Protein backbone atom coordinates (compact mmCIF):
# COMPACT_ATOMS: atom_id res chain seq x y z
CA UNK A 1 -11.88 239.61 135.27
CA UNK A 2 -12.62 238.26 131.83
CA UNK A 3 -11.09 235.12 130.39
CA UNK A 4 -8.58 236.93 128.15
CA UNK A 5 -7.26 239.00 131.05
CA UNK A 6 -7.04 235.87 133.18
CA UNK A 7 -5.04 234.01 130.55
CA UNK A 8 -2.29 236.62 130.79
CA UNK A 9 -1.74 235.55 134.42
CA UNK A 10 -1.59 231.81 133.82
CA UNK A 11 2.15 231.69 133.01
CA UNK A 12 2.79 232.29 136.73
CA UNK A 13 4.37 229.31 138.57
CA UNK A 14 1.34 229.47 140.86
CA UNK A 15 -0.55 227.50 138.19
CA UNK A 16 2.12 224.86 137.48
CA UNK A 17 0.08 222.09 139.17
CA UNK A 18 -2.68 222.47 136.58
CA UNK A 19 -0.43 223.64 133.74
CA UNK A 20 -1.20 220.86 131.27
CA UNK A 21 -4.96 221.37 131.61
CA UNK A 22 -4.58 225.14 131.34
CA UNK A 23 -2.41 224.76 128.24
CA UNK A 24 -5.03 222.50 126.69
CA UNK A 25 -7.60 225.27 127.21
CA UNK A 26 -5.42 227.99 125.65
CA UNK A 27 -7.55 227.86 122.49
CA UNK A 28 -10.61 229.10 124.41
CA UNK A 29 -11.51 232.68 123.60
CA UNK A 30 -14.03 232.83 126.45
CA UNK A 31 -14.56 230.95 129.70
CA UNK A 32 -14.13 227.19 129.23
CA UNK A 33 -17.40 225.31 129.14
CA UNK A 34 -18.39 221.88 130.37
CA UNK A 35 -17.82 220.68 126.79
CA UNK A 36 -14.26 222.06 126.86
CA UNK A 37 -13.56 220.22 130.12
CA UNK A 38 -15.17 217.03 128.79
CA UNK A 39 -12.85 217.08 125.79
CA UNK A 40 -9.95 216.83 128.25
CA UNK A 41 -11.62 214.28 130.54
CA UNK A 42 -11.71 211.40 128.05
CA UNK A 43 -10.63 208.24 129.85
CA UNK A 44 -10.78 209.72 133.36
CA UNK A 45 -12.87 207.92 135.97
CA UNK A 46 -13.90 208.44 139.58
CA UNK A 47 -12.95 206.09 142.45
CA UNK A 48 -15.76 203.70 141.43
CA UNK A 49 -14.50 203.52 137.86
CA UNK A 50 -17.35 205.64 136.50
CA UNK A 51 -16.29 207.95 133.64
CA UNK A 52 -16.10 211.61 134.61
CA UNK A 53 -18.31 214.10 132.82
CA UNK A 54 -18.71 217.80 133.46
CA UNK A 55 -22.30 219.01 133.26
CA UNK A 56 -23.65 222.51 133.47
CA UNK A 57 -25.06 223.06 136.95
CA UNK A 58 -28.76 223.64 137.08
CA UNK A 59 -32.03 222.48 138.51
CA UNK A 60 -31.47 218.83 137.53
CA UNK A 61 -28.08 218.64 139.28
CA UNK A 62 -29.50 219.90 142.59
CA UNK A 63 -31.71 216.82 143.17
CA UNK A 64 -28.85 214.64 144.47
CA UNK A 65 -26.08 215.84 146.79
CA UNK A 66 -23.10 217.15 144.79
CA UNK A 67 -20.57 214.60 146.11
CA UNK A 68 -23.01 211.68 145.87
CA UNK A 69 -23.81 212.59 142.28
CA UNK A 70 -20.13 212.52 141.33
CA UNK A 71 -19.62 209.17 143.07
CA UNK A 72 -22.69 207.53 141.52
CA UNK A 73 -22.81 209.04 138.04
CA UNK A 74 -19.42 210.64 137.42
CA UNK A 75 -21.21 213.93 136.68
CA UNK A 76 -19.49 217.02 138.05
CA UNK A 77 -21.89 219.97 138.19
CA UNK A 78 -20.05 223.00 136.82
CA UNK A 79 -21.36 226.56 136.82
CA UNK A 80 -20.39 228.63 133.78
CA UNK A 81 -18.07 231.60 134.25
CA UNK A 82 -17.16 230.67 137.83
CA UNK A 83 -13.55 230.69 139.01
CA UNK A 84 -14.25 228.15 141.75
CA UNK A 85 -15.79 225.64 139.36
CA UNK A 86 -13.15 226.20 136.70
CA UNK A 87 -10.36 225.45 139.18
CA UNK A 88 -12.29 222.45 140.47
CA UNK A 89 -12.45 221.15 136.89
CA UNK A 90 -8.73 221.82 136.45
CA UNK A 91 -8.03 219.88 139.65
CA UNK A 92 -10.16 216.91 138.49
CA UNK A 93 -8.36 216.95 135.14
CA UNK A 94 -4.91 217.23 136.75
CA UNK A 95 -5.34 215.00 139.82
CA UNK A 96 -8.19 212.58 139.10
CA UNK A 97 -7.05 209.89 141.55
CA UNK A 98 -6.70 212.33 144.46
CA UNK A 99 -9.99 214.07 143.68
CA UNK A 100 -11.65 210.67 143.27
CA UNK A 101 -10.40 209.47 146.66
CA UNK A 102 -11.64 212.64 148.37
CA UNK A 103 -15.00 212.33 146.62
CA UNK A 104 -15.31 208.66 147.61
CA UNK A 105 -14.80 209.54 151.26
CA UNK A 106 -17.38 212.34 151.07
CA UNK A 107 -19.85 209.95 149.45
CA UNK A 108 -19.20 207.25 152.07
CA UNK A 109 -19.83 209.68 154.92
CA UNK A 110 -23.00 210.96 153.25
CA UNK A 111 -24.26 207.41 152.71
CA UNK A 112 -23.49 206.44 156.30
CA UNK A 113 -24.96 209.53 157.96
CA UNK A 114 -27.78 210.47 155.56
CA UNK A 115 -29.69 213.73 155.68
CA UNK A 116 -27.95 214.91 158.85
CA UNK A 117 -24.62 214.94 157.01
CA UNK A 118 -26.13 216.44 153.87
CA UNK A 119 -27.60 219.36 155.86
CA UNK A 120 -24.57 220.08 158.07
CA UNK A 121 -21.09 219.03 157.00
CA UNK A 122 -19.21 217.13 159.71
CA UNK A 123 -15.69 217.83 160.91
CA UNK A 124 -14.46 214.90 158.80
CA UNK A 125 -15.96 216.37 155.65
CA UNK A 126 -14.70 219.85 156.57
CA UNK A 127 -11.18 218.40 156.72
CA UNK A 128 -11.64 216.70 153.34
CA UNK A 129 -12.91 219.97 151.88
CA UNK A 130 -9.98 221.97 153.27
CA UNK A 131 -7.51 219.44 151.88
CA UNK A 132 -9.31 219.48 148.55
């Protein structure tokens, strides 16, 4: 589904939790980009107080575990034209404290358990992911 077709479905109450972020993206004629999300993220920080910034996912973002990268740098790797990543961005923009708390717990578990946790997500992180 293209962005224009998707926008026709956004008035549904299903999207009320992220309504303000969606409304702020109404000007987009194509999929929102990291720059579009960054324009809305001004002043938002993660649980460590680091400013949030959406970055296009790529080779550079794969070097550090996704959750650790967010906790340490505030950078949220975002793939273009992906529903999953768009809704993740909408959730960060709409619920930054909740997303930050979940991310902080992921990062703490990764720091405590190292490569084992990075290779195979534990039950604790599965629960965090399901809640998220």
